Amino acid sequence: MTMYTMHEAKTNLSKIGKILVNKEEEYVIVSNNGKPYLKITLYDKSDKPAIGILKGKYSFSDEPDWFNDDFSELFAGEEVI
């Protein structure tokens, strides 16, 4: 485990990034006033939200389907049989 003071971390941010990318350390601790303050790790791509997971799998028309009974009921105010 590598530990930096706040000032050292600000000065050596790119060095810290290289340490993490090269997997020399799993994380780096930054201290403030002698106490652990931050834990810096690499961003895990699997943590990304699953927004867009179905992108491109479905298509929707910009025009309403006027012949769809459920849709027609909304505007007719009565049930379509």
Protein backbone atom coordinates (compact mmCIF):
# COMPACT_ATOMS: atom_id res chain seq x y z
CA MET A 1 0.00 0.00 0.00
CA THR A 2 1.32 3.41 -0.96
CA MET A 3 0.46 6.48 1.08
CA TYR A 4 0.76 10.12 0.06
CA THR A 5 0.05 13.35 1.86
CA MET A 6 -2.52 15.62 0.26
CA HIS A 7 0.21 17.88 -1.14
CA GLU A 8 2.19 14.92 -2.51
CA ALA A 9 -0.94 13.47 -4.13
CA LYS A 10 -1.74 16.76 -5.87
CA THR A 11 1.84 17.01 -7.12
CA ASN A 12 2.08 13.36 -8.21
CA LEU A 13 -1.39 12.63 -9.56
CA SER A 14 -0.15 11.31 -12.91
CA LYS A 15 2.41 9.14 -11.09
CA ILE A 16 -0.37 7.72 -8.90
CA GLY A 17 -2.38 6.98 -12.04
CA LYS A 18 0.54 5.09 -13.57
CA ILE A 19 1.04 3.07 -10.37
CA LEU A 20 -2.59 1.99 -10.48
CA VAL A 21 -2.72 1.32 -14.24
CA ASN A 22 0.47 -0.77 -14.07
CA LYS A 23 -1.12 -2.70 -11.19
CA GLU A 24 1.83 -1.94 -8.91
CA GLU A 25 -0.77 -1.18 -6.23
CA GLU A 26 -4.50 -1.94 -5.99
CA TYR A 27 -5.16 1.43 -4.36
CA VAL A 28 -3.35 4.47 -2.97
CA ILE A 29 -4.19 6.16 0.32
CA VAL A 30 -4.02 9.95 0.65
CA SER A 31 -3.67 11.35 4.15
CA ASN A 32 -4.75 14.70 5.52
CA ASN A 33 -3.21 15.90 8.78
CA GLY A 34 -1.62 12.46 9.26
CA LYS A 35 -4.91 10.53 9.00
CA PRO A 36 -6.18 8.50 6.04
CA TYR A 37 -8.49 10.72 4.02
CA LEU A 38 -8.91 9.30 0.50
CA LYS A 39 -8.59 5.92 -1.15
CA ILE A 40 -7.79 6.20 -4.86
CA THR A 41 -8.55 3.21 -7.09
CA LEU A 42 -8.94 2.64 -10.80
CA TYR A 43 -12.40 3.09 -12.26
CA ASP A 44 -13.94 -0.32 -12.79
CA LYS A 45 -15.77 -0.34 -16.12
CA SER A 46 -18.19 -2.95 -14.80
CA ASP A 47 -19.48 -0.27 -12.39
CA LYS A 48 -21.00 1.67 -15.29
CA PRO A 49 -24.79 1.86 -15.27
CA ALA A 50 -26.54 -0.40 -17.76
CA ILE A 51 -28.20 2.50 -19.57
CA GLY A 52 -28.50 1.77 -23.27
CA ILE A 53 -28.13 -1.98 -22.84
CA LEU A 54 -30.98 -2.54 -25.33
CA LYS A 55 -29.92 0.22 -27.70
CA GLY A 56 -30.46 -0.82 -31.29
CA LYS A 57 -32.47 -3.94 -30.40
CA TYR A 58 -35.88 -2.29 -30.74
CA SER A 59 -37.23 0.35 -33.04
CA PHE A 60 -40.19 2.64 -32.52
CA SER A 61 -42.11 4.65 -35.03
CA ASP A 62 -42.44 8.40 -34.57
CA GLU A 63 -46.01 8.13 -35.85
CA PRO A 64 -48.80 6.72 -33.65
CA ASP A 65 -50.42 3.45 -34.64
CA TRP A 66 -53.96 4.73 -35.28
CA PHE A 67 -55.21 1.22 -35.95
CA ASN A 68 -54.08 -0.13 -32.58
CA ASP A 69 -57.23 -0.71 -30.48
CA ASP A 70 -55.55 0.22 -27.17
CA PHE A 71 -54.31 3.47 -28.64
CA SER A 72 -57.67 4.29 -30.24
CA GLU A 73 -59.47 3.81 -26.90
CA LEU A 74 -57.49 6.65 -25.38
CA PHE A 75 -58.93 9.12 -27.88
CA ALA A 76 -62.39 7.63 -28.44
CA GLY A 77 -63.30 7.58 -24.76
CA GLU A 78 -65.04 4.27 -25.24
CA GLU A 79 -63.94 0.69 -25.51
CA VAL A 80 -63.33 -0.60 -29.02
CA ILE A 81 -64.72 -4.08 -29.61
